[in-house]
C-alpha atoms as a PDB file:
ATOM      1  CA  MET A   1    -131.878-182.960  18.011  1.00  0.00           C
ATOM      2  CA  LYS A   2    -129.920-183.163  20.616  1.00  0.00           C
ATOM      3  CA  GLY A   3    -126.909-181.943  18.396  1.00  0.00           C
ATOM      4  CA  ILE A   4    -129.293-179.074  17.034  1.00  0.00           C
ATOM      5  CA  LYS A   5    -130.110-178.307  20.569  1.00  0.00           C
ATOM      6  CA  ASN A   6    -126.494-178.181  21.971  1.00  0.00           C
ATOM      7  CA  TYR A   7    -125.753-175.799  18.867  1.00  0.00           C
ATOM      8  CA  LEU A   8    -128.721-173.571  19.538  1.00  0.00           C
ATOM      9  CA  THR A   9    -127.661-173.127  23.096  1.00  0.00           C
ATOM     10  CA  ALA A  10    -124.125-172.079  21.767  1.00  0.00           C
ATOM     11  CA  VAL A  11    -125.739-169.729  19.399  1.00  0.00           C
ATOM     12  CA  LEU A  12    -128.049-168.410  22.099  1.00  0.00           C
ATOM     13  CA  ILE A  13    -124.874-167.641  24.759  1.00  0.00           C
ATOM     14  CA  THR A  14    -123.656-165.332  21.593  1.00  0.00           C
ATOM     15  CA  CYS A  15    -126.150-163.616  20.943  1.00  0.00           C
ATOM     16  CA  THR A  16    -126.579-162.882  24.663  1.00  0.00           C
ATOM     17  CA  GLY A  17    -123.362-161.408  24.906  1.00  0.00           C
ATOM     18  CA  LEU A  18    -123.731-159.733  21.632  1.00  0.00           C
ATOM     19  CA  SER A  19    -127.053-158.117  22.649  1.00  0.00           C
ATOM     20  CA  ALA A  20    -125.873-157.666  26.411  1.00  0.00           C
ATOM     21  CA  PHE A  21    -124.722-154.408  25.508  1.00  0.00           C
ATOM     22  CA  ALA A  22    -127.078-152.676  27.884  1.00  0.00           C
ATOM     23  CA  GLN A  23    -125.818-154.588  30.838  1.00  0.00           C
ATOM     24  CA  ASP A  24    -122.391-154.922  32.580  1.00  0.00           C
ATOM     25  CA  HIS A  25    -121.387-158.041  34.573  1.00  0.00           C
ATOM     26  CA  ILE A  26    -121.651-157.639  38.180  1.00  0.00           C
ATOM     27  CA  TYR A  27    -119.891-159.618  41.075  1.00  0.00           C
ATOM     28  CA  SER A  28    -121.500-161.424  43.715  1.00  0.00           C
ATOM     29  CA  GLN A  29    -118.405-160.619  46.047  1.00  0.00           C
ATOM     30  CA  PHE A  30    -119.153-157.113  45.344  1.00  0.00           C
ATOM     31  CA  PHE A  31    -117.186-156.052  48.388  1.00  0.00           C
ATOM     32  CA  ASN A  32    -113.909-157.646  46.950  1.00  0.00           C
ATOM     33  CA  ALA A  33    -114.065-155.456  44.092  1.00  0.00           C
ATOM     34  CA  PRO A  34    -114.246-151.994  45.526  1.00  0.00           C
ATOM     35  CA  ALA A  35    -112.888-150.268  42.516  1.00  0.00           C
ATOM     36  CA  TYR A  36    -114.771-151.747  40.274  1.00  0.00           C
ATOM     37  CA  LEU A  37    -118.167-150.928  42.418  1.00  0.00           C
ATOM     38  CA  ASN A  38    -117.303-147.494  42.998  1.00  0.00           C
ATOM     39  CA  PRO A  39    -113.973-145.072  42.517  1.00  0.00           C
ATOM     40  CA  ALA A  40    -115.077-143.411  45.519  1.00  0.00           C
ATOM     41  CA  LEU A  41    -113.811-146.277  47.637  1.00  0.00           C
ATOM     42  CA  THR A  42    -110.386-145.745  46.125  1.00  0.00           C
ATOM     43  CA  GLY A  43    -107.932-145.886  49.185  1.00  0.00           C
ATOM     44  CA  GLN A  44    -110.464-146.464  51.543  1.00  0.00           C
ATOM     45  CA  PHE A  45    -108.722-148.864  53.552  1.00  0.00           C
ATOM     46  CA  GLU A  46    -106.478-149.299  56.763  1.00  0.00           C
ATOM     47  CA  GLY A  47    -102.917-149.168  54.875  1.00  0.00           C
ATOM     48  CA  ASP A  48    -100.933-147.715  52.681  1.00  0.00           C
ATOM     49  CA  ILE A  49    -101.473-150.122  49.640  1.00  0.00           C
ATOM     50  CA  ARG A  50    -104.214-152.580  48.577  1.00  0.00           C
ATOM     51  CA  LEU A  51    -104.222-155.006  45.998  1.00  0.00           C
ATOM     52  CA  ASN A  52    -107.246-156.985  44.763  1.00  0.00           C
ATOM     53  CA  MET A  53    -108.424-159.324  42.270  1.00  0.00           C
ATOM     54  CA  ILE A  54    -111.517-161.520  41.550  1.00  0.00           C
ATOM     55  CA  TYR A  55    -112.698-163.994  39.297  1.00  0.00           C
ATOM     56  CA  ARG A  56    -115.834-164.965  37.917  1.00  0.00           C
ATOM     57  CA  ASN A  57    -117.142-168.160  36.054  1.00  0.00           C
ATOM     58  CA  GLN A  58    -120.807-167.701  34.982  1.00  0.00           C
ATOM     59  CA  TRP A  59    -122.835-170.752  34.008  1.00  0.00           C
ATOM     60  CA  SER A  60    -120.133-173.193  33.714  1.00  0.00           C
ATOM     61  CA  GLY A  61    -122.731-175.893  32.714  1.00  0.00           C
ATOM     62  CA  LEU A  62    -123.501-174.154  29.582  1.00  0.00           C
ATOM     63  CA  SER A  63    -121.552-174.007  26.526  1.00  0.00           C
ATOM     64  CA  GLY A  64    -119.479-170.763  25.565  1.00  0.00           C
ATOM     65  CA  ASP A  65    -117.603-168.599  27.653  1.00  0.00           C
ATOM     66  CA  LEU A  66    -118.975-166.473  30.353  1.00  0.00           C
ATOM     67  CA  SER A  67    -116.041-165.297  32.294  1.00  0.00           C
ATOM     68  CA  TYR A  68    -114.807-162.418  34.348  1.00  0.00           C
ATOM     69  CA  LEU A  69    -111.870-160.832  35.842  1.00  0.00           C
ATOM     70  CA  SER A  70    -111.144-157.335  37.744  1.00  0.00           C
ATOM     71  CA  ALA A  71    -107.751-156.757  39.108  1.00  0.00           C
ATOM     72  CA  SER A  72    -106.763-153.445  41.018  1.00  0.00           C
ATOM     73  CA  ALA A  73    -104.161-151.465  43.017  1.00  0.00           C
ATOM     74  CA  ASP A  74    -104.559-148.706  44.931  1.00  0.00           C
ATOM     75  CA  LEU A  75    -102.841-146.289  47.665  1.00  0.00           C
ATOM     76  CA  ASN A  76    -104.066-144.355  50.556  1.00  0.00           C
ATOM     77  CA  ILE A  77    -102.353-140.703  50.635  1.00  0.00           C
ATOM     78  CA  PRO A  78    -103.460-138.705  53.352  1.00  0.00           C
ATOM     79  CA  LYS A  79    -101.228-135.604  51.687  1.00  0.00           C
ATOM     80  CA  PHE A  80    -103.395-136.226  48.820  1.00  0.00           C
ATOM     81  CA  GLY A  81    -106.581-136.296  50.956  1.00  0.00           C
ATOM     82  CA  GLY A  82    -107.542-139.486  49.493  1.00  0.00           C
ATOM     83  CA  GLY A  83    -106.120-142.290  47.279  1.00  0.00           C
ATOM     84  CA  VAL A  84    -105.213-143.044  43.797  1.00  0.00           C
ATOM     85  CA  GLY A  85    -105.417-146.567  41.761  1.00  0.00           C
ATOM     86  CA  LEU A  86    -105.362-148.499  38.660  1.00  0.00           C
ATOM     87  CA  LEU A  87    -108.273-150.910  37.708  1.00  0.00           C
ATOM     88  CA  PHE A  88    -108.022-153.391  34.949  1.00  0.00           C
ATOM     89  CA  THR A  89    -111.335-155.482  33.781  1.00  0.00           C
ATOM     90  CA  ARG A  90    -111.628-158.551  31.701  1.00  0.00           C
ATOM     91  CA  SER A  91    -114.658-159.597  30.118  1.00  0.00           C
ATOM     92  CA  SER A  92    -115.242-162.817  27.768  1.00  0.00           C
ATOM     93  CA  GLU A  93    -118.511-163.760  26.436  1.00  0.00           C
ATOM     94  CA  GLY A  94    -120.406-166.539  24.160  1.00  0.00           C
ATOM     95  CA  THR A  95    -118.960-168.992  21.360  1.00  0.00           C
ATOM     96  CA  ALA A  96    -117.361-165.804  19.414  1.00  0.00           C
ATOM     97  CA  TYR A  97    -115.373-164.725  22.379  1.00  0.00           C
ATOM     98  CA  LEU A  98    -116.811-161.149  22.254  1.00  0.00           C
ATOM     99  CA  ARG A  99    -113.929-159.787  24.834  1.00  0.00           C
ATOM    100  CA  LYS A 100    -113.467-156.244  26.388  1.00  0.00           C
ATOM    101  CA  ASN A 101    -110.667-155.145  27.902  1.00  0.00           C
ATOM    102  CA  ASN A 102    -110.471-151.694  30.178  1.00  0.00           C
ATOM    103  CA  ILE A 103    -107.668-150.292  32.147  1.00  0.00           C
ATOM    104  CA  ALA A 104    -108.558-146.841  34.205  1.00  0.00           C
ATOM    105  CA  ALA A 105    -107.347-144.931  36.711  1.00  0.00           C
ATOM    106  CA  ASN A 106    -109.076-143.728  39.615  1.00  0.00           C
ATOM    107  CA  TYR A 107    -108.534-140.888  42.246  1.00  0.00           C
ATOM    108  CA  ALA A 108    -110.600-140.177  45.214  1.00  0.00           C
ATOM    109  CA  TYR A 109    -110.725-137.065  47.661  1.00  0.00           C
ATOM    110  CA  SER A 110    -111.858-137.387  51.115  1.00  0.00           C
ATOM    111  CA  VAL A 111    -112.894-134.910  53.985  1.00  0.00           C
ATOM    112  CA  GLY A 112    -113.992-135.145  57.452  1.00  0.00           C
ATOM    113  CA  GLY A 113    -113.065-136.944  60.670  1.00  0.00           C
ATOM    114  CA  GLU A 114    -113.353-139.842  62.841  1.00  0.00           C
ATOM    115  CA  ASP A 115    -117.400-139.464  63.001  1.00  0.00           C
ATOM    116  CA  LEU A 116    -117.812-139.180  59.332  1.00  0.00           C
ATOM    117  CA  VAL A 117    -115.966-139.171  56.052  1.00  0.00           C
ATOM    118  CA  LEU A 118    -116.946-138.387  52.586  1.00  0.00           C
ATOM    119  CA  SER A 119    -115.263-139.550  49.440  1.00  0.00           C
ATOM    120  CA  PHE A 120    -115.515-138.352  45.708  1.00  0.00           C
ATOM    121  CA  GLY A 121    -114.043-140.532  43.095  1.00  0.00           C
ATOM    122  CA  ILE A 122    -113.625-140.106  39.336  1.00  0.00           C
ATOM    123  CA  GLN A 123    -112.058-142.849  37.122  1.00  0.00           C
ATOM    124  CA  ALA A 124    -110.971-142.597  33.258  1.00  0.00           C
ATOM    125  CA  GLY A 125    -109.804-145.169  31.233  1.00  0.00           C
ATOM    126  CA  PHE A 126    -109.865-146.864  27.805  1.00  0.00           C
ATOM    127  CA  THR A 127    -111.688-149.990  26.579  1.00  0.00           C
ATOM    128  CA  ASN A 128    -111.172-152.331  23.743  1.00  0.00           C
ATOM    129  CA  ARG A 129    -113.940-154.425  22.549  1.00  0.00           C
ATOM    130  CA  GLN A 130    -113.210-157.617  20.299  1.00  0.00           C
ATOM    131  CA  ILE A 131    -114.979-160.304  18.621  1.00  0.00           C
ATOM    132  CA  ASP A 132    -114.028-163.413  16.725  1.00  0.00           C
ATOM    133  CA  TRP A 133    -116.548-163.600  13.861  1.00  0.00           C
ATOM    134  CA  GLY A 134    -115.363-166.785  12.570  1.00  0.00           C
ATOM    135  CA  LYS A 135    -116.468-168.711  15.650  1.00  0.00           C
ATOM    136  CA  LEU A 136    -120.392-167.754  15.111  1.00  0.00           C
ATOM    137  CA  VAL A 137    -122.742-170.138  13.709  1.00  0.00           C
ATOM    138  CA  PHE A 138    -125.883-168.842  11.760  1.00  0.00           C
ATOM    139  CA  SER A 139    -128.876-170.414  11.006  1.00  0.00           C
ATOM    140  CA  ASP A 140    -127.825-171.630   7.386  1.00  0.00           C
ATOM    141  CA  GLN A 141    -125.158-173.690   8.584  1.00  0.00           C
ATOM    142  CA  ILE A 142    -127.434-175.925  10.946  1.00  0.00           C
ATOM    143  CA  ASP A 143    -129.257-178.857   9.157  1.00  0.00           C
ATOM    144  CA  MET A 144    -132.437-179.722  10.692  1.00  0.00           C
ATOM    145  CA  ARG A 145    -131.610-183.408  11.121  1.00  0.00           C
ATOM    146  CA  LEU A 146    -127.691-183.303  11.600  1.00  0.00           C
ATOM    147  CA  GLY A 147    -127.362-180.052  13.353  1.00  0.00           C
ATOM    148  CA  TYR A 148    -124.289-178.020  12.706  1.00  0.00           C
ATOM    149  CA  VAL A 149    -122.169-178.762   9.682  1.00  0.00           C
ATOM    150  CA  PRO A 150    -118.695-178.441  10.076  1.00  0.00           C
ATOM    151  CA  GLY A 151    -117.017-176.455   7.387  1.00  0.00           C
ATOM    152  CA  SER A 152    -120.069-175.396   6.080  1.00  0.00           C
ATOM    153  CA  ALA A 153    -120.137-171.689   4.503  1.00  0.00           C
ATOM    154  CA  SER A 154    -123.068-169.146   5.546  1.00  0.00           C
ATOM    155  CA  SER A 155    -124.360-166.528   3.128  1.00  0.00           C
ATOM    156  CA  ALA A 156    -124.222-163.725   6.227  1.00  0.00           C
ATOM    157  CA  GLN A 157    -122.167-160.801   5.798  1.00  0.00           C
ATOM    158  CA  VAL A 158    -120.218-160.115   8.945  1.00  0.00           C
ATOM    159  CA  PRO A 159    -118.907-156.565   9.728  1.00  0.00           C
ATOM    160  CA  ASP A 160    -115.476-155.534   8.195  1.00  0.00           C
ATOM    161  CA  PHE A 161    -113.857-154.552  11.888  1.00  0.00           C
ATOM    162  CA  SER A 162    -113.713-156.859  14.547  1.00  0.00           C
ATOM    163  CA  SER A 163    -111.972-154.678  17.470  1.00  0.00           C
ATOM    164  CA  LYS A 164    -113.095-151.478  18.527  1.00  0.00           C
ATOM    165  CA  PHE A 165    -111.349-148.735  20.985  1.00  0.00           C
ATOM    166  CA  TYR A 166    -113.381-146.075  23.278  1.00  0.00           C
ATOM    167  CA  PHE A 167    -112.696-143.636  26.146  1.00  0.00           C
ATOM    168  CA  ASP A 168    -114.576-144.546  29.305  1.00  0.00           C
ATOM    169  CA  ALA A 169    -115.776-142.298  32.161  1.00  0.00           C
ATOM    170  CA  ALA A 170    -117.006-142.985  35.698  1.00  0.00           C
ATOM    171  CA  GLY A 171    -117.411-141.165  39.188  1.00  0.00           C
ATOM    172  CA  GLY A 172    -118.857-141.714  42.333  1.00  0.00           C
ATOM    173  CA  VAL A 173    -119.382-140.725  46.114  1.00  0.00           C
ATOM    174  CA  ASN A 174    -119.031-142.525  49.457  1.00  0.00           C
ATOM    175  CA  LEU A 175    -120.277-141.575  52.625  1.00  0.00           C
ATOM    176  CA  VAL A 176    -119.093-143.923  56.044  1.00  0.00           C
ATOM    177  CA  TYR A 177    -120.919-141.845  59.163  1.00  0.00           C
ATOM    178  CA  ARG A 178    -119.994-144.311  62.335  1.00  0.00           C
ATOM    179  CA  ASN A 179    -121.408-147.630  61.718  1.00  0.00           C
ATOM    180  CA  PHE A 180    -123.293-146.694  58.553  1.00  0.00           C
ATOM    181  CA  MET A 181    -122.124-146.749  54.889  1.00  0.00           C
ATOM    182  CA  ALA A 182    -123.565-145.445  51.705  1.00  0.00           C
ATOM    183  CA  GLY A 183    -122.528-144.941  48.073  1.00  0.00           C
ATOM    184  CA  ALA A 184    -123.392-144.342  44.773  1.00  0.00           C
ATOM    185  CA  ALA A 185    -121.596-144.345  41.115  1.00  0.00           C
ATOM    186  CA  VAL A 186    -122.455-143.403  37.599  1.00  0.00           C
ATOM    187  CA  HIS A 187    -120.448-145.699  34.916  1.00  0.00           C
ATOM    188  CA  HIS A 188    -120.040-144.825  31.397  1.00  0.00           C
ATOM    189  CA  ILE A 189    -120.885-141.172  31.901  1.00  0.00           C
ATOM    190  CA  ASN A 190    -120.009-140.522  28.397  1.00  0.00           C
ATOM    191  CA  LYS A 191    -122.006-143.023  27.035  1.00  0.00           C
ATOM    192  CA  PRO A 192    -119.510-144.533  24.515  1.00  0.00           C
ATOM    193  CA  ASP A 193    -120.192-146.066  21.011  1.00  0.00           C
ATOM    194  CA  GLU A 194    -119.514-149.932  21.162  1.00  0.00           C
ATOM    195  CA  SER A 195    -120.574-150.616  17.431  1.00  0.00           C
ATOM    196  CA  PHE A 196    -118.503-152.784  14.926  1.00  0.00           C
ATOM    197  CA  THR A 197    -120.604-151.782  12.285  1.00  0.00           C
ATOM    198  CA  GLY A 198    -120.529-147.780  12.152  1.00  0.00           C
ATOM    199  CA  THR A 199    -124.151-148.017  13.220  1.00  0.00           C
ATOM    200  CA  GLN A 200    -123.949-146.263  16.398  1.00  0.00           C
ATOM    201  CA  ALA A 201    -124.693-148.507  19.714  1.00  0.00           C
ATOM    202  CA  LYS A 202    -124.332-146.245  22.796  1.00  0.00           C
ATOM    203  CA  LEU A 203    -123.202-148.212  26.066  1.00  0.00           C
ATOM    204  CA  PRO A 204    -125.967-147.057  28.350  1.00  0.00           C
ATOM    205  CA  MET A 205    -124.852-145.812  31.649  1.00  0.00           C
ATOM    206  CA  ARG A 206    -124.584-148.145  34.513  1.00  0.00           C
ATOM    207  CA  LEU A 207    -125.890-146.636  38.030  1.00  0.00           C
ATOM    208  CA  THR A 208    -124.936-148.374  41.373  1.00  0.00           C
ATOM    209  CA  ALA A 209    -126.101-147.536  44.810  1.00  0.00           C
ATOM    210  CA  ASN A 210    -124.842-149.370  47.790  1.00  0.00           C
ATOM    211  CA  ALA A 211    -125.737-149.026  51.947  1.00  0.00           C
ATOM    212  CA  SER A 212    -124.157-151.359  54.587  1.00  0.00           C
ATOM    213  CA  PHE A 213    -124.779-151.359  58.298  1.00  0.00           C
ATOM    214  CA  ARG A 214    -122.088-152.326  60.758  1.00  0.00           C
ATOM    215  CA  ILE A 215    -124.145-153.943  64.009  1.00  0.00           C
ATOM    216  CA  PRO A 216    -121.671-155.112  66.921  1.00  0.00           C
ATOM    217  CA  LEU A 217    -123.203-158.344  68.700  1.00  0.00           C
ATOM    218  CA  SER A 218    -120.868-158.480  71.362  1.00  0.00           C
ATOM    219  CA  SER A 219    -121.876-156.747  74.742  1.00  0.00           C
ATOM    220  CA  TYR A 220    -118.700-154.764  74.989  1.00  0.00           C
ATOM    221  CA  TYR A 221    -118.164-152.210  72.221  1.00  0.00           C
ATOM    222  CA  GLY A 222    -116.766-148.804  71.721  1.00  0.00           C
ATOM    223  CA  TYR A 223    -116.557-146.454  68.667  1.00  0.00           C
ATOM    224  CA  GLY A 224    -113.239-146.381  67.486  1.00  0.00           C
ATOM    225  CA  GLN A 225    -112.224-149.617  69.025  1.00  0.00           C
ATOM    226  CA  GLU A 226    -110.402-151.979  66.770  1.00  0.00           C
ATOM    227  CA  ASP A 227    -112.763-155.276  67.987  1.00  0.00           C
ATOM    228  CA  ASP A 228    -112.485-157.990  66.387  1.00  0.00           C
ATOM    229  CA  GLY A 229    -116.196-158.584  66.324  1.00  0.00           C
ATOM    230  CA  PRO A 230    -118.772-160.527  65.836  1.00  0.00           C
ATOM    231  CA  TYR A 231    -120.543-158.206  64.004  1.00  0.00           C
ATOM    232  CA  LEU A 232    -123.880-158.727  61.667  1.00  0.00           C
ATOM    233  CA  ILE A 233    -123.199-156.448  58.551  1.00  0.00           C
ATOM    234  CA  PRO A 234    -126.618-156.521  56.243  1.00  0.00           C
ATOM    235  CA  SER A 235    -126.082-154.730  52.749  1.00  0.00           C
ATOM    236  CA  VAL A 236    -127.913-153.963  49.444  1.00  0.00           C
ATOM    237  CA  VAL A 237    -126.639-153.139  46.187  1.00  0.00           C
ATOM    238  CA  TYR A 238    -128.957-151.638  43.538  1.00  0.00           C
ATOM    239  CA  TYR A 239    -127.524-151.744  39.789  1.00  0.00           C
ATOM    240  CA  LYS A 240    -129.497-150.063  36.741  1.00  0.00           C
ATOM    241  CA  GLN A 241    -128.745-150.121  33.258  1.00  0.00           C
ATOM    242  CA  ALA A 242    -130.789-149.030  30.529  1.00  0.00           C
ATOM    243  CA  ASN A 243    -134.211-151.109  30.815  1.00  0.00           C
ATOM    244  CA  VAL A 244    -132.207-154.048  33.048  1.00  0.00           C
ATOM    245  CA  ASN A 245    -131.960-153.387  37.271  1.00  0.00           C
ATOM    246  CA  SER A 246    -130.590-155.931  39.558  1.00  0.00           C
ATOM    247  CA  VAL A 247    -131.068-155.910  43.680  1.00  0.00           C
ATOM    248  CA  SER A 248    -128.312-157.680  45.818  1.00  0.00           C
ATOM    249  CA  ALA A 249    -129.068-157.918  49.383  1.00  0.00           C
ATOM    250  CA  GLY A 250    -128.051-159.975  52.530  1.00  0.00           C
ATOM    251  CA  ALA A 251    -125.722-160.083  55.472  1.00  0.00           C
ATOM    252  CA  GLN A 252    -121.888-160.927  56.491  1.00  0.00           C
ATOM    253  CA  PHE A 253    -121.278-162.621  59.690  1.00  0.00           C
ATOM    254  CA  LYS A 254    -118.009-161.284  60.558  1.00  0.00           C
ATOM    255  CA  TYR A 255    -115.820-162.565  63.729  1.00  0.00           C
ATOM    256  CA  ARG A 256    -112.036-162.161  63.790  1.00  0.00           C
ATOM    257  CA  ASN A 257    -110.682-163.531  60.569  1.00  0.00           C
ATOM    258  CA  LEU A 258    -113.947-165.185  59.221  1.00  0.00           C
ATOM    259  CA  ASN A 259    -116.765-163.729  57.228  1.00  0.00           C
ATOM    260  CA  THR A 260    -119.432-165.501  55.887  1.00  0.00           C
ATOM    261  CA  GLY A 261    -122.477-164.099  54.086  1.00  0.00           C
ATOM    262  CA  LEU A 262    -125.850-165.182  52.547  1.00  0.00           C
ATOM    263  CA  TRP A 263    -127.036-163.220  49.626  1.00  0.00           C
ATOM    264  CA  TYR A 264    -130.403-162.984  47.366  1.00  0.00           C
ATOM    265  CA  ARG A 265    -130.329-161.155  43.866  1.00  0.00           C
ATOM    266  CA  SER A 266    -132.872-160.280  41.917  1.00  0.00           C
ATOM    267  CA  SER A 267    -132.691-159.407  38.137  1.00  0.00           C
ATOM    268  CA  GLY A 268    -135.213-157.708  35.518  1.00  0.00           C
ATOM    269  CA  GLN A 269    -138.542-156.743  37.283  1.00  0.00           C
ATOM    270  CA  GLY A 270    -137.529-158.126  40.340  1.00  0.00           C
ATOM    271  CA  SER A 271    -137.761-161.910  39.330  1.00  0.00           C
ATOM    272  CA  PRO A 272    -135.523-164.122  41.293  1.00  0.00           C
ATOM    273  CA  ASP A 273    -131.933-164.961  39.800  1.00  0.00           C
ATOM    274  CA  ALA A 274    -129.578-166.639  42.291  1.00  0.00           C
ATOM    275  CA  ILE A 275    -129.054-167.528  46.242  1.00  0.00           C
ATOM    276  CA  VAL A 276    -125.438-166.756  47.035  1.00  0.00           C
ATOM    277  CA  VAL A 277    -123.048-168.143  49.806  1.00  0.00           C
ATOM    278  CA  SER A 278    -119.899-166.093  50.367  1.00  0.00           C
ATOM    279  CA  PHE A 279    -116.711-167.148  52.679  1.00  0.00           C
ATOM    280  CA  ILE A 280    -114.220-164.530  53.443  1.00  0.00           C
ATOM    281  CA  PHE A 281    -110.639-165.642  55.097  1.00  0.00           C
ATOM    282  CA  ASP A 282    -108.350-162.959  56.688  1.00  0.00           C
ATOM    283  CA  ILE A 283    -105.020-164.188  57.073  1.00  0.00           C
ATOM    284  CA  PHE A 284    -102.497-161.753  59.228  1.00  0.00           C
ATOM    285  CA  THR A 285     -99.000-162.065  57.986  1.00  0.00           C
ATOM    286  CA  ASN A 286     -97.515-159.486  59.859  1.00  0.00           C
ATOM    287  CA  ARG A 287     -99.438-157.614  62.462  1.00  0.00           C
ATOM    288  CA  GLU A 288     -96.696-155.129  63.166  1.00  0.00           C
ATOM    289  CA  ASN A 289     -97.016-153.350  60.000  1.00  0.00           C
ATOM    290  CA  GLY A 290    -100.478-154.222  59.180  1.00  0.00           C
ATOM    291  CA  GLU A 291    -100.277-157.011  56.358  1.00  0.00           C
ATOM    292  CA  LYS A 292    -103.278-158.700  55.613  1.00  0.00           C
ATOM    293  CA  LEU A 293    -104.027-161.144  53.033  1.00  0.00           C
ATOM    294  CA  ARG A 294    -107.633-162.024  51.972  1.00  0.00           C
ATOM    295  CA  LEU A 295    -109.054-165.201  49.906  1.00  0.00           C
ATOM    296  CA  GLY A 296    -112.504-165.294  49.213  1.00  0.00           C
ATOM    297  CA  ILE A 297    -114.689-167.866  47.596  1.00  0.00           C
ATOM    298  CA  SER A 298    -118.585-167.568  46.715  1.00  0.00           C
ATOM    299  CA  HIS A 299    -121.170-169.427  44.451  1.00  0.00           C
ATOM    300  CA  ASP A 300    -124.565-168.303  42.943  1.00  0.00           C
ATOM    301  CA  ALA A 301    -127.232-171.004  42.443  1.00  0.00           C
ATOM    302  CA  THR A 302    -129.373-170.121  39.914  1.00  0.00           C
ATOM    303  CA  THR A 303    -133.003-169.824  40.954  1.00  0.00           C
ATOM    304  CA  SER A 304    -134.527-168.212  37.467  1.00  0.00           C
ATOM    305  CA  LYS A 305    -135.923-169.818  34.589  1.00  0.00           C
ATOM    306  CA  ILE A 306    -132.908-171.323  33.253  1.00  0.00           C
ATOM    307  CA  ASN A 307    -132.192-173.200  36.787  1.00  0.00           C
ATOM    308  CA  TYR A 308    -129.414-174.381  38.135  1.00  0.00           C
ATOM    309  CA  THR A 309    -129.714-177.764  36.720  1.00  0.00           C
ATOM    310  CA  ASN A 310    -128.771-176.542  33.217  1.00  0.00           C
ATOM    311  CA  THR A 311    -126.000-173.814  34.093  1.00  0.00           C
ATOM    312  CA  SER A 312    -124.395-175.440  37.217  1.00  0.00           C
ATOM    313  CA  GLY A 313    -124.467-172.257  38.813  1.00  0.00           C
ATOM    314  CA  THR A 314    -121.486-169.598  39.035  1.00  0.00           C
ATOM    315  CA  THR A 315    -118.279-169.425  41.092  1.00  0.00           C
ATOM    316  CA  GLU A 316    -116.142-166.541  42.043  1.00  0.00           C
ATOM    317  CA  ALA A 317    -112.824-166.444  43.495  1.00  0.00           C
ATOM    318  CA  SER A 318    -111.032-163.401  45.053  1.00  0.00           C
ATOM    319  CA  ILE A 319    -107.562-162.466  46.555  1.00  0.00           C
ATOM    320  CA  GLY A 320    -106.633-159.213  48.306  1.00  0.00           C
ATOM    321  CA  PHE A 321    -103.116-157.842  49.777  1.00  0.00           C
ATOM    322  CA  GLU A 322    -102.747-154.669  52.001  1.00  0.00           C
ATOM    323  CA  LYS A 323    -100.252-153.390  54.255  1.00  0.00           C
ATOM    324  CA  TYR A 324     -98.236-150.107  55.518  1.00  0.00           C
ATOM    325  CA  PHE A 325     -95.012-149.064  53.766  1.00  0.00           C
ATOM    326  CA  PRO A 326     -92.112-149.596  56.274  1.00  0.00           C
ATOM    327  CA  ASN A 327     -92.118-146.491  59.026  1.00  0.00           C
ATOM    328  CA  SER A 328     -95.367-145.268  57.547  1.00  0.00           C
ATOM    329  CA  SER A 329     -96.767-142.216  59.387  1.00  0.00           C
ATOM    330  CA  GLY A 330    -100.373-143.720  59.286  1.00  0.00           C
ATOM    331  CA  TYR A 331     -99.733-147.037  60.857  1.00  0.00           C
ATOM    332  CA  ASN A 332    -102.123-147.407  63.913  1.00  0.00           C
ATOM    333  CA  LYS A 333    -103.399-144.353  63.853  1.00  0.00           C
ATOM    334  CA  PHE A 334    -107.401-144.364  63.860  1.00  0.00           C
ATOM    335  CA  ASN A 335    -108.665-141.912  61.394  1.00  0.00           C
ATOM    336  CA  GLY A 336    -112.258-143.308  61.192  1.00  0.00           C
ATOM    337  CA  LEU A 337    -114.196-146.307  59.655  1.00  0.00           C
ATOM    338  CA  ARG A 338    -113.086-147.129  56.168  1.00  0.00           C
ATOM    339  CA  CYS A 339    -114.970-149.253  53.583  1.00  0.00           C
ATOM    340  CA  TYR A 340    -112.689-152.089  55.075  1.00  0.00           C
ATOM    341  CA  HIS A 341    -114.841-152.381  58.261  1.00  0.00           C
ATOM    342  CA  PHE A 342    -118.302-153.239  56.460  1.00  0.00           C
ATOM    343  CA  TYR A 343    -116.779-156.538  54.903  1.00  0.00           C
END
């Protein structure tokens, strides 16, 4: 029975990956994946170039692979009125290794000044979806006494295709007003067809809305000053895709080079999903040209019915780098708060 349980768990995870076309993965460190969260955040940072990468290993205690990676590079180009960038996203789910690889180009245009910055962003890219049908285990390959019998054949007919390409598009808007930021984005605007079989299976649009407020805790604070803190930054992010919705809410305490956060995430119809703890470290390697290295780590403690004992939780690691180019015309010129100030 133990063997049967293990294989049923593996099959369940694979089926979850196959049926989860209605829900994209989300990052607990959403603030360290700005290009994935909202294309309007492209170029919204203090510097000329920014590099970000984040990796998520979900439910490592279960059989099967649930891992996600996003890497991005964007430029802040005032002459263009915003920024341009590239985003690469990869996901691997289940024992059949249902994989998605997406590469997309982002463009954002910003208007406003020191008190208010309004940004509009678009994203366009291509996705390749793949699956290894040979890794699937079907019910007629499982013996009730022995469990899965290696080498056994299944009468199930698998589709002729194991790879799919499609175009994908997204758009978003982001507002920064003094110490308040709010944004919204729509991904999969064109609802691409993900089907391997020819039977239409459209990817539903993913709606995202986020808001943050930057609360200074020091007695001395002047708007426009590059104060190192301390700050309390409460945030909330809402996701909706098809009939699935999720809310991440919490706050970060930011002081100088350290940023710690505590988050609560719900899933489904408001049911609890996880408690998240995050630690972010900013390492200033060269203040003269604004070089900044950011390292982040977070862990999700599962609170849903599947529970932490079975899943061992979820861990994310992130790294970011930003700097000004030599002799940059934008260096040390305050031009309003950007999204970086809110995380």
